[in-house]
Amino acid sequence: MRLLSLFLLFLGSGFACSTPSLTLVSNEKVNISLVDFDDQTGEGDVIGETPIAVDVQKLKKQYIRVWGEGIQSQYWVVKPLTEGKNELTLRVERKEEKDDGDEQAKIQEQNRAYRMLLRAYKALTAKDWESTREISKQMSQNQPDAAAPHLLTGLSFLAEGNAGKARASFLKAKNLDPEDRDIDELIRLSKK
């Protein structure tokens, strides 16, 4: 009898002392790590993939890191659980992947702008004022917020002796790039 009582007591204490667990589920299969609060790396120890049950006692000094390939890492601190609450649903978000096509398009757009700038400069140094202004006009249509086309137009008018039109072009450039102090000098030169 004594052995049976001892067994029942042991069996009952096992159930009474069992620690509650929290089940983590997510909309996508992700890795779960437990990270100590003082862990500077934030990596933690991997305990498995969702769905997974975590001992609530472990969560008192740790937080949960949710991560995976293509998944935006998330960190969760679990508050004390209310009675009957034993499941936490995690909503994970995918990382936005860079579109190499967009990056290539931006680079090509920059290259196109630099080629046009070089052509306009060549026309300016060759004293081909009309070509300089035509290329500058195309540049301005492609990049309306750029000051360079107006500077080139102003320089062509200034070299041609038309100070009024040069000044108007330099003022447009100054409006678009107020930090460029060299434009102030060009405006001053066009007043003469």
N, C-alpha and C. Protein backbone atom coordinates (compact mmCIF):
# COMPACT_ATOMS: atom_id res chain seq x y z
N MET A 1 0.82 -1.18 0.00
CA MET A 1 0.00 0.00 0.00
C MET A 1 0.87 1.25 0.00
N ARG A 2 1.88 1.18 0.78
CA ARG A 2 2.75 2.32 0.88
C ARG A 2 3.41 2.62 -0.47
N LEU A 3 3.81 1.60 -1.19
CA LEU A 3 4.43 1.76 -2.48
C LEU A 3 3.45 2.36 -3.49
N LEU A 4 2.20 1.92 -3.43
CA LEU A 4 1.17 2.46 -4.31
C LEU A 4 0.89 3.93 -4.00
N SER A 5 0.83 4.30 -2.72
CA SER A 5 0.62 5.70 -2.32
C SER A 5 1.77 6.57 -2.80
N LEU A 6 2.96 6.06 -2.62
CA LEU A 6 4.14 6.81 -3.04
C LEU A 6 4.11 7.02 -4.57
N PHE A 7 3.73 5.99 -5.31
CA PHE A 7 3.64 6.09 -6.76
C PHE A 7 2.58 7.10 -7.18
N LEU A 8 1.39 7.05 -6.52
CA LEU A 8 0.32 8.00 -6.84
C LEU A 8 0.73 9.42 -6.49
N LEU A 9 1.41 9.58 -5.37
CA LEU A 9 1.89 10.91 -4.97
C LEU A 9 2.90 11.43 -6.00
N PHE A 10 3.81 10.57 -6.43
CA PHE A 10 4.79 10.95 -7.43
C PHE A 10 4.11 11.29 -8.76
N LEU A 11 3.14 10.46 -9.14
CA LEU A 11 2.41 10.70 -10.37
C LEU A 11 1.62 12.00 -10.30
N GLY A 12 0.97 12.25 -9.18
CA GLY A 12 0.20 13.48 -9.01
C GLY A 12 1.08 14.71 -8.98
N SER A 13 2.25 14.62 -8.33
CA SER A 13 3.13 15.78 -8.27
C SER A 13 3.70 16.09 -9.65
N GLY A 14 3.85 15.05 -10.46
CA GLY A 14 4.34 15.28 -11.83
C GLY A 14 3.35 16.10 -12.62
N PHE A 15 2.08 15.82 -12.42
CA PHE A 15 1.07 16.60 -13.14
C PHE A 15 0.91 17.98 -12.55
N ALA A 16 0.99 18.08 -11.25
CA ALA A 16 0.81 19.37 -10.60
C ALA A 16 1.97 20.30 -10.88
N CYS A 17 3.17 19.75 -11.04
CA CYS A 17 4.35 20.58 -11.24
C CYS A 17 4.69 20.77 -12.72
N SER A 18 3.91 20.18 -13.59
CA SER A 18 4.23 20.35 -15.01
C SER A 18 4.10 21.83 -15.36
N THR A 19 5.07 22.29 -16.12
CA THR A 19 5.08 23.71 -16.46
C THR A 19 4.23 23.95 -17.69
N PRO A 20 3.51 25.05 -17.70
CA PRO A 20 2.68 25.34 -18.87
C PRO A 20 3.56 25.66 -20.08
N SER A 21 3.04 25.40 -21.25
CA SER A 21 3.79 25.70 -22.46
C SER A 21 2.96 26.62 -23.35
N LEU A 22 3.67 27.28 -24.21
CA LEU A 22 3.05 28.19 -25.17
C LEU A 22 3.31 27.61 -26.55
N THR A 23 2.28 27.44 -27.33
CA THR A 23 2.45 26.92 -28.69
C THR A 23 2.52 28.11 -29.65
N LEU A 24 3.57 28.13 -30.45
CA LEU A 24 3.76 29.19 -31.44
C LEU A 24 3.40 28.63 -32.82
N VAL A 25 2.47 29.29 -33.47
CA VAL A 25 2.09 28.92 -34.83
C VAL A 25 2.25 30.16 -35.71
N SER A 26 2.42 29.95 -37.00
CA SER A 26 2.61 31.10 -37.89
C SER A 26 1.97 30.82 -39.24
N ASN A 27 1.79 31.90 -40.01
CA ASN A 27 1.19 31.77 -41.33
C ASN A 27 2.16 31.14 -42.33
N GLU A 28 3.45 31.07 -42.01
CA GLU A 28 4.46 30.40 -42.82
C GLU A 28 5.40 29.66 -41.89
N LYS A 29 6.02 28.60 -42.38
CA LYS A 29 6.96 27.84 -41.57
C LYS A 29 8.21 28.70 -41.35
N VAL A 30 8.52 28.97 -40.08
CA VAL A 30 9.66 29.81 -39.73
C VAL A 30 10.45 29.15 -38.61
N ASN A 31 11.69 29.60 -38.44
CA ASN A 31 12.54 29.12 -37.35
C ASN A 31 12.26 29.94 -36.11
N ILE A 32 12.41 29.29 -34.96
CA ILE A 32 12.22 29.96 -33.67
C ILE A 32 13.51 29.81 -32.87
N SER A 33 13.99 30.92 -32.34
CA SER A 33 15.15 30.92 -31.45
C SER A 33 14.76 31.58 -30.15
N LEU A 34 15.37 31.15 -29.06
CA LEU A 34 15.22 31.83 -27.78
C LEU A 34 16.49 32.62 -27.53
N VAL A 35 16.34 33.90 -27.22
CA VAL A 35 17.47 34.80 -27.07
C VAL A 35 17.45 35.39 -25.67
N ASP A 36 18.60 35.30 -24.97
CA ASP A 36 18.71 35.92 -23.64
C ASP A 36 18.61 37.43 -23.79
N PHE A 37 18.03 38.08 -22.78
CA PHE A 37 17.89 39.53 -22.82
C PHE A 37 19.23 40.25 -22.96
N ASP A 38 20.30 39.67 -22.40
CA ASP A 38 21.60 40.34 -22.46
C ASP A 38 22.45 39.89 -23.65
N ASP A 39 21.90 39.12 -24.57
CA ASP A 39 22.61 38.66 -25.77
C ASP A 39 22.71 39.82 -26.76
N GLN A 40 23.93 40.28 -27.00
CA GLN A 40 24.14 41.43 -27.88
C GLN A 40 23.95 41.09 -29.35
N THR A 41 24.18 39.82 -29.73
CA THR A 41 24.08 39.46 -31.14
C THR A 41 22.63 39.33 -31.59
N GLY A 42 21.75 38.93 -30.67
CA GLY A 42 20.34 38.77 -31.03
C GLY A 42 20.05 37.51 -31.81
N GLU A 43 21.03 36.59 -31.89
CA GLU A 43 20.83 35.36 -32.65
C GLU A 43 20.10 34.30 -31.83
N GLY A 44 20.59 34.03 -30.62
CA GLY A 44 19.95 33.06 -29.75
C GLY A 44 20.18 31.62 -30.15
N ASP A 45 19.49 30.72 -29.44
CA ASP A 45 19.59 29.28 -29.69
C ASP A 45 18.35 28.82 -30.43
N VAL A 46 18.57 28.15 -31.55
CA VAL A 46 17.45 27.63 -32.35
C VAL A 46 16.78 26.50 -31.58
N ILE A 47 15.46 26.58 -31.44
CA ILE A 47 14.74 25.50 -30.75
C ILE A 47 13.83 24.73 -31.71
N GLY A 48 13.65 25.20 -32.93
CA GLY A 48 12.85 24.47 -33.90
C GLY A 48 12.09 25.37 -34.85
N GLU A 49 11.13 24.74 -35.54
CA GLU A 49 10.28 25.45 -36.50
C GLU A 49 8.85 25.46 -36.00
N THR A 50 8.08 26.41 -36.51
CA THR A 50 6.66 26.46 -36.14
C THR A 50 5.92 25.34 -36.84
N PRO A 51 4.89 24.81 -36.24
CA PRO A 51 4.40 25.05 -34.88
C PRO A 51 5.30 24.37 -33.86
N ILE A 52 5.46 25.01 -32.71
CA ILE A 52 6.33 24.49 -31.66
C ILE A 52 5.79 24.91 -30.30
N ALA A 53 5.96 24.04 -29.31
CA ALA A 53 5.57 24.35 -27.94
C ALA A 53 6.81 24.79 -27.17
N VAL A 54 6.71 25.90 -26.46
CA VAL A 54 7.83 26.44 -25.69
C VAL A 54 7.44 26.48 -24.23
N ASP A 55 8.35 26.03 -23.37
CA ASP A 55 8.13 26.06 -21.93
C ASP A 55 8.05 27.53 -21.49
N VAL A 56 6.96 27.89 -20.84
CA VAL A 56 6.74 29.28 -20.42
C VAL A 56 7.82 29.75 -19.46
N GLN A 57 8.36 28.86 -18.65
CA GLN A 57 9.41 29.25 -17.70
C GLN A 57 10.64 29.78 -18.43
N LYS A 58 10.93 29.27 -19.62
CA LYS A 58 12.09 29.73 -20.39
C LYS A 58 11.89 31.15 -20.90
N LEU A 59 10.65 31.55 -21.04
CA LEU A 59 10.36 32.85 -21.63
C LEU A 59 10.50 34.00 -20.64
N LYS A 60 10.75 33.69 -19.37
CA LYS A 60 10.86 34.76 -18.38
C LYS A 60 12.13 35.57 -18.54
N LYS A 61 13.20 34.95 -19.00
CA LYS A 61 14.47 35.66 -19.14
C LYS A 61 14.94 35.70 -20.59
N GLN A 62 14.05 35.37 -21.50
CA GLN A 62 14.41 35.33 -22.91
C GLN A 62 13.28 35.91 -23.75
N TYR A 63 13.63 36.27 -24.95
CA TYR A 63 12.61 36.66 -25.91
C TYR A 63 12.69 35.73 -27.11
N ILE A 64 11.69 35.80 -27.95
CA ILE A 64 11.58 34.89 -29.08
C ILE A 64 12.02 35.62 -30.35
N ARG A 65 12.88 34.96 -31.11
CA ARG A 65 13.28 35.48 -32.42
C ARG A 65 12.64 34.58 -33.47
N VAL A 66 11.91 35.20 -34.38
CA VAL A 66 11.25 34.49 -35.48
C VAL A 66 12.01 34.86 -36.74
N TRP A 67 12.49 33.86 -37.47
CA TRP A 67 13.30 34.16 -38.64
C TRP A 67 13.24 33.00 -39.64
N GLY A 68 13.73 33.26 -40.83
CA GLY A 68 13.79 32.24 -41.87
C GLY A 68 14.28 32.85 -43.16
N GLU A 69 14.51 31.99 -44.14
CA GLU A 69 15.00 32.47 -45.43
C GLU A 69 13.92 33.28 -46.12
N GLY A 70 14.25 34.50 -46.47
CA GLY A 70 13.29 35.38 -47.12
C GLY A 70 12.26 35.98 -46.18
N ILE A 71 12.44 35.79 -44.88
CA ILE A 71 11.50 36.29 -43.88
C ILE A 71 12.15 37.44 -43.12
N GLN A 72 11.40 38.50 -42.90
CA GLN A 72 11.86 39.62 -42.09
C GLN A 72 11.93 39.16 -40.64
N SER A 73 13.11 39.25 -40.00
CA SER A 73 13.25 38.82 -38.61
C SER A 73 12.35 39.63 -37.70
N GLN A 74 11.76 38.94 -36.72
CA GLN A 74 10.90 39.59 -35.74
C GLN A 74 11.34 39.14 -34.36
N TYR A 75 11.14 39.99 -33.38
CA TYR A 75 11.47 39.67 -32.00
C TYR A 75 10.22 39.86 -31.15
N TRP A 76 9.94 38.90 -30.27
CA TRP A 76 8.74 38.92 -29.46
C TRP A 76 9.10 38.74 -28.00
N VAL A 77 8.53 39.55 -27.15
CA VAL A 77 8.61 39.36 -25.71
C VAL A 77 7.21 38.93 -25.29
N VAL A 78 7.15 37.78 -24.61
CA VAL A 78 5.84 37.24 -24.24
C VAL A 78 5.48 37.72 -22.85
N LYS A 79 4.33 38.35 -22.74
CA LYS A 79 3.81 38.80 -21.45
C LYS A 79 3.30 37.59 -20.68
N PRO A 80 3.11 37.73 -19.37
CA PRO A 80 2.54 36.61 -18.62
C PRO A 80 1.21 36.19 -19.25
N LEU A 81 1.05 34.89 -19.36
CA LEU A 81 -0.13 34.36 -20.04
C LEU A 81 -1.34 34.39 -19.14
N THR A 82 -2.48 34.65 -19.72
CA THR A 82 -3.73 34.56 -18.97
C THR A 82 -4.16 33.10 -18.94
N GLU A 83 -4.97 32.77 -18.00
CA GLU A 83 -5.42 31.39 -17.85
C GLU A 83 -6.11 30.93 -19.14
N GLY A 84 -5.72 29.78 -19.62
CA GLY A 84 -6.36 29.22 -20.80
C GLY A 84 -5.72 29.66 -22.11
N LYS A 85 -4.88 30.68 -22.09
CA LYS A 85 -4.23 31.16 -23.32
C LYS A 85 -2.93 30.39 -23.47
N ASN A 86 -2.86 29.54 -24.47
CA ASN A 86 -1.64 28.76 -24.63
C ASN A 86 -1.17 28.70 -26.08
N GLU A 87 -1.68 29.60 -26.93
CA GLU A 87 -1.25 29.61 -28.32
C GLU A 87 -1.06 31.06 -28.77
N LEU A 88 0.02 31.30 -29.48
CA LEU A 88 0.33 32.63 -30.00
C LEU A 88 0.50 32.48 -31.51
N THR A 89 -0.28 33.24 -32.27
CA THR A 89 -0.19 33.20 -33.73
C THR A 89 0.71 34.33 -34.19
N LEU A 90 1.75 33.99 -34.92
CA LEU A 90 2.72 34.96 -35.42
C LEU A 90 2.42 35.25 -36.88
N ARG A 91 2.36 36.50 -37.22
CA ARG A 91 2.19 36.90 -38.62
C ARG A 91 3.56 37.33 -39.13
N VAL A 92 4.12 36.55 -40.02
CA VAL A 92 5.46 36.87 -40.53
C VAL A 92 5.34 37.56 -41.88
N GLU A 93 6.33 38.41 -42.16
CA GLU A 93 6.35 39.15 -43.42
C GLU A 93 7.59 38.76 -44.20
N ARG A 94 7.43 38.66 -45.49
CA ARG A 94 8.56 38.35 -46.37
C ARG A 94 9.38 39.62 -46.60
N LYS A 95 10.69 39.44 -46.72
CA LYS A 95 11.57 40.55 -47.06
C LYS A 95 11.30 40.94 -48.50
N GLU A 96 11.34 42.23 -48.75
CA GLU A 96 11.18 42.69 -50.12
C GLU A 96 12.51 42.50 -50.84
N GLU A 97 12.45 41.77 -51.93
CA GLU A 97 13.66 41.51 -52.68
C GLU A 97 13.89 42.64 -53.66
N LYS A 98 15.17 43.02 -53.79
CA LYS A 98 15.51 44.08 -54.72
C LYS A 98 15.34 43.57 -56.14
N ASP A 99 14.76 44.40 -56.95
CA ASP A 99 14.59 44.06 -58.35
C ASP A 99 15.81 44.58 -59.10
N ASP A 100 16.65 43.65 -59.56
CA ASP A 100 17.86 44.05 -60.27
C ASP A 100 17.55 44.82 -61.55
N GLY A 101 16.38 44.56 -62.13
CA GLY A 101 15.98 45.27 -63.34
C GLY A 101 15.80 46.75 -63.07
N ASP A 102 15.20 47.10 -61.92
CA ASP A 102 15.02 48.50 -61.56
C ASP A 102 16.36 49.18 -61.34
N GLU A 103 17.28 48.48 -60.68
CA GLU A 103 18.61 49.04 -60.41
C GLU A 103 19.36 49.27 -61.73
N GLN A 104 19.26 48.30 -62.63
CA GLN A 104 19.91 48.43 -63.94
C GLN A 104 19.30 49.59 -64.72
N ALA A 105 18.00 49.75 -64.64
CA ALA A 105 17.33 50.84 -65.36
C ALA A 105 17.82 52.20 -64.84
N LYS A 106 18.00 52.31 -63.52
CA LYS A 106 18.50 53.57 -62.95
C LYS A 106 19.91 53.86 -63.43
N ILE A 107 20.74 52.84 -63.46
CA ILE A 107 22.13 53.02 -63.92
C ILE A 107 22.14 53.45 -65.38
N GLN A 108 21.32 52.81 -66.20
CA GLN A 108 21.26 53.17 -67.62
C GLN A 108 20.75 54.60 -67.82
N GLU A 109 19.79 55.01 -66.98
CA GLU A 109 19.28 56.38 -67.05
C GLU A 109 20.38 57.38 -66.72
N GLN A 110 21.19 57.06 -65.71
CA GLN A 110 22.31 57.94 -65.36
C GLN A 110 23.32 57.99 -66.50
N ASN A 111 23.64 56.83 -67.06
CA ASN A 111 24.60 56.79 -68.17
C ASN A 111 24.10 57.62 -69.35
N ARG A 112 22.81 57.53 -69.65
CA ARG A 112 22.22 58.30 -70.74
C ARG A 112 22.38 59.81 -70.47
N ALA A 113 22.12 60.21 -69.23
CA ALA A 113 22.25 61.62 -68.87
C ALA A 113 23.70 62.10 -69.00
N TYR A 114 24.65 61.27 -68.58
CA TYR A 114 26.06 61.65 -68.69
C TYR A 114 26.51 61.72 -70.15
N ARG A 115 26.01 60.81 -70.99
CA ARG A 115 26.36 60.86 -72.41
C ARG A 115 25.85 62.16 -73.04
N MET A 116 24.63 62.54 -72.69
CA MET A 116 24.07 63.79 -73.24
C MET A 116 24.86 64.99 -72.74
N LEU A 117 25.26 64.95 -71.48
CA LEU A 117 26.05 66.04 -70.92
C LEU A 117 27.38 66.16 -71.66
N LEU A 118 28.01 65.03 -71.95
CA LEU A 118 29.27 65.03 -72.68
C LEU A 118 29.08 65.58 -74.10
N ARG A 119 27.99 65.19 -74.76
CA ARG A 119 27.71 65.71 -76.11
C ARG A 119 27.50 67.23 -76.09
N ALA A 120 26.76 67.69 -75.09
CA ALA A 120 26.52 69.14 -74.98
C ALA A 120 27.83 69.88 -74.72
N TYR A 121 28.69 69.30 -73.89
CA TYR A 121 29.98 69.93 -73.61
C TYR A 121 30.85 69.99 -74.87
N LYS A 122 30.84 68.89 -75.64
CA LYS A 122 31.61 68.87 -76.89
C LYS A 122 31.10 69.95 -77.85
N ALA A 123 29.78 70.07 -77.94
CA ALA A 123 29.20 71.10 -78.82
C ALA A 123 29.57 72.49 -78.33
N LEU A 124 29.57 72.69 -77.02
CA LEU A 124 29.92 73.99 -76.44
C LEU A 124 31.37 74.34 -76.73
N THR A 125 32.28 73.38 -76.55
CA THR A 125 33.70 73.67 -76.81
C THR A 125 33.98 73.83 -78.30
N ALA A 126 33.13 73.26 -79.15
CA ALA A 126 33.27 73.42 -80.60
C ALA A 126 32.59 74.70 -81.08
N LYS A 127 32.03 75.47 -80.14
CA LYS A 127 31.32 76.73 -80.43
C LYS A 127 30.11 76.51 -81.34
N ASP A 128 29.48 75.34 -81.16
CA ASP A 128 28.25 75.04 -81.89
C ASP A 128 27.09 75.32 -80.92
N TRP A 129 26.72 76.61 -80.85
CA TRP A 129 25.76 77.07 -79.84
C TRP A 129 24.38 76.43 -80.03
N GLU A 130 23.92 76.30 -81.26
CA GLU A 130 22.60 75.72 -81.53
C GLU A 130 22.53 74.26 -81.07
N SER A 131 23.57 73.49 -81.38
CA SER A 131 23.60 72.08 -80.96
C SER A 131 23.64 71.98 -79.44
N THR A 132 24.40 72.87 -78.82
CA THR A 132 24.47 72.88 -77.35
C THR A 132 23.09 73.09 -76.76
N ARG A 133 22.37 74.07 -77.29
CA ARG A 133 21.03 74.36 -76.76
C ARG A 133 20.04 73.24 -77.06
N GLU A 134 20.16 72.61 -78.23
CA GLU A 134 19.25 71.50 -78.58
C GLU A 134 19.48 70.30 -77.66
N ILE A 135 20.72 69.96 -77.42
CA ILE A 135 21.02 68.84 -76.51
C ILE A 135 20.58 69.19 -75.10
N SER A 136 20.81 70.44 -74.69
CA SER A 136 20.38 70.88 -73.35
C SER A 136 18.87 70.80 -73.20
N LYS A 137 18.15 71.13 -74.27
CA LYS A 137 16.69 71.05 -74.24
C LYS A 137 16.24 69.60 -74.04
N GLN A 138 16.88 68.67 -74.75
CA GLN A 138 16.56 67.25 -74.58
C GLN A 138 16.87 66.78 -73.16
N MET A 139 18.00 67.22 -72.64
CA MET A 139 18.37 66.85 -71.27
C MET A 139 17.34 67.37 -70.28
N SER A 140 16.90 68.59 -70.49
CA SER A 140 15.92 69.20 -69.59
C SER A 140 14.58 68.47 -69.65
N GLN A 141 14.21 67.96 -70.81
CA GLN A 141 12.97 67.19 -70.93
C GLN A 141 13.08 65.86 -70.20
N ASN A 142 14.26 65.23 -70.27
CA ASN A 142 14.46 63.94 -69.60
C ASN A 142 14.61 64.09 -68.09
N GLN A 143 15.24 65.18 -67.67
CA GLN A 143 15.45 65.43 -66.24
C GLN A 143 15.08 66.87 -65.92
N PRO A 144 13.79 67.13 -65.73
CA PRO A 144 13.34 68.51 -65.53
C PRO A 144 13.87 69.16 -64.25
N ASP A 145 14.32 68.39 -63.29
CA ASP A 145 14.82 68.96 -62.04
C ASP A 145 16.33 69.19 -62.04
N ALA A 146 16.99 68.91 -63.14
CA ALA A 146 18.45 69.07 -63.22
C ALA A 146 18.81 70.50 -63.63
N ALA A 147 19.84 71.03 -63.01
CA ALA A 147 20.29 72.39 -63.31
C ALA A 147 21.26 72.43 -64.49
N ALA A 148 21.98 71.34 -64.74
CA ALA A 148 23.03 71.32 -65.77
C ALA A 148 22.55 71.75 -67.15
N PRO A 149 21.39 71.31 -67.63
CA PRO A 149 20.98 71.75 -68.97
C PRO A 149 20.83 73.27 -69.07
N HIS A 150 20.33 73.89 -68.02
CA HIS A 150 20.15 75.35 -68.02
C HIS A 150 21.50 76.07 -67.96
N LEU A 151 22.45 75.47 -67.26
CA LEU A 151 23.80 76.05 -67.22
C LEU A 151 24.43 76.02 -68.61
N LEU A 152 24.31 74.88 -69.29
CA LEU A 152 24.87 74.77 -70.64
C LEU A 152 24.21 75.75 -71.60
N THR A 153 22.90 75.87 -71.51
CA THR A 153 22.18 76.83 -72.35
C THR A 153 22.66 78.25 -72.05
N GLY A 154 22.77 78.58 -70.77
CA GLY A 154 23.25 79.90 -70.38
C GLY A 154 24.66 80.17 -70.87
N LEU A 155 25.53 79.18 -70.77
CA LEU A 155 26.91 79.35 -71.25
C LEU A 155 26.94 79.58 -72.77
N SER A 156 26.08 78.87 -73.50
CA SER A 156 26.06 79.07 -74.95
C SER A 156 25.58 80.47 -75.31
N PHE A 157 24.55 80.96 -74.59
CA PHE A 157 24.07 82.33 -74.84
C PHE A 157 25.12 83.36 -74.43
N LEU A 158 25.80 83.12 -73.31
CA LEU A 158 26.83 84.05 -72.84
C LEU A 158 27.98 84.12 -73.84
N ALA A 159 28.41 82.97 -74.35
CA ALA A 159 29.49 82.94 -75.34
C ALA A 159 29.07 83.61 -76.65
N GLU A 160 27.79 83.54 -76.95
CA GLU A 160 27.26 84.15 -78.17
C GLU A 160 27.07 85.66 -78.01
N GLY A 161 27.12 86.14 -76.76
CA GLY A 161 26.97 87.57 -76.50
C GLY A 161 25.56 87.97 -76.11
N ASN A 162 24.67 87.02 -75.86
CA ASN A 162 23.29 87.31 -75.48
C ASN A 162 23.17 87.17 -73.95
N ALA A 163 23.57 88.24 -73.24
CA ALA A 163 23.62 88.21 -71.78
C ALA A 163 22.24 88.06 -71.14
N GLY A 164 21.20 88.64 -71.73
CA GLY A 164 19.85 88.56 -71.17
C GLY A 164 19.33 87.12 -71.12
N LYS A 165 19.48 86.39 -72.24
CA LYS A 165 19.03 85.00 -72.26
C LYS A 165 19.93 84.12 -71.38
N ALA A 166 21.22 84.47 -71.35
CA ALA A 166 22.14 83.71 -70.49
C ALA A 166 21.73 83.85 -69.03
N ARG A 167 21.44 85.08 -68.63
CA ARG A 167 21.03 85.34 -67.24
C ARG A 167 19.75 84.58 -66.90
N ALA A 168 18.77 84.55 -67.81
CA ALA A 168 17.51 83.83 -67.56
C ALA A 168 17.79 82.33 -67.36
N SER A 169 18.68 81.77 -68.16
CA SER A 169 19.02 80.35 -68.02
C SER A 169 19.74 80.09 -66.70
N PHE A 170 20.65 80.99 -66.33
CA PHE A 170 21.38 80.82 -65.06
C PHE A 170 20.44 80.93 -63.87
N LEU A 171 19.46 81.83 -63.95
CA LEU A 171 18.49 81.96 -62.86
C LEU A 171 17.63 80.69 -62.71
N LYS A 172 17.26 80.06 -63.85
CA LYS A 172 16.53 78.78 -63.78
C LYS A 172 17.40 77.73 -63.10
N ALA A 173 18.68 77.71 -63.46
CA ALA A 173 19.60 76.74 -62.85
C ALA A 173 19.74 76.99 -61.36
N LYS A 174 19.80 78.25 -60.97
CA LYS A 174 19.94 78.60 -59.54
C LYS A 174 18.70 78.16 -58.76
N ASN A 175 17.52 78.32 -59.36
CA ASN A 175 16.29 77.85 -58.71
C ASN A 175 16.32 76.35 -58.47
N LEU A 176 16.87 75.60 -59.41
CA LEU A 176 16.92 74.15 -59.29
C LEU A 176 18.05 73.67 -58.38
N ASP A 177 19.12 74.44 -58.28
CA ASP A 177 20.26 74.06 -57.45
C ASP A 177 20.76 75.27 -56.66
N PRO A 178 20.02 75.66 -55.61
CA PRO A 178 20.36 76.87 -54.87
C PRO A 178 21.69 76.78 -54.11
N GLU A 179 22.23 75.59 -53.91
CA GLU A 179 23.48 75.44 -53.16
C GLU A 179 24.71 75.67 -54.01
N ASP A 180 24.58 75.67 -55.34
CA ASP A 180 25.73 75.82 -56.23
C ASP A 180 26.15 77.29 -56.28
N ARG A 181 27.28 77.60 -55.68
CA ARG A 181 27.76 78.99 -55.62
C ARG A 181 28.38 79.45 -56.93
N ASP A 182 28.78 78.50 -57.77
CA ASP A 182 29.35 78.87 -59.07
C ASP A 182 28.30 79.53 -59.96
N ILE A 183 27.05 79.17 -59.76
CA ILE A 183 25.98 79.78 -60.56
C ILE A 183 25.89 81.28 -60.25
N ASP A 184 26.13 81.66 -59.00
CA ASP A 184 26.11 83.08 -58.63
C ASP A 184 27.13 83.87 -59.45
N GLU A 185 28.30 83.28 -59.66
CA GLU A 185 29.34 83.93 -60.46
C GLU A 185 28.89 84.08 -61.92
N LEU A 186 28.22 83.06 -62.44
CA LEU A 186 27.73 83.13 -63.83
C LEU A 186 26.64 84.19 -63.96
N ILE A 187 25.77 84.28 -62.96
CA ILE A 187 24.73 85.32 -62.97
C ILE A 187 25.38 86.70 -62.96
N ARG A 188 26.41 86.86 -62.13
CA ARG A 188 27.13 88.13 -62.07
C ARG A 188 27.77 88.47 -63.42
N LEU A 189 28.36 87.48 -64.07
CA LEU A 189 28.99 87.71 -65.38
C LEU A 189 27.96 88.08 -66.45
N SER A 190 26.75 87.55 -66.32
CA SER A 190 25.72 87.82 -67.34
C SER A 190 25.07 89.19 -67.16
N LYS A 191 25.38 89.92 -66.08
CA LYS A 191 24.82 91.26 -65.86
C LYS A 191 25.55 92.30 -66.69
N LYS A 192 26.74 92.02 -67.11
CA LYS A 192 27.56 93.01 -67.81
C LYS A 192 27.04 93.33 -69.18
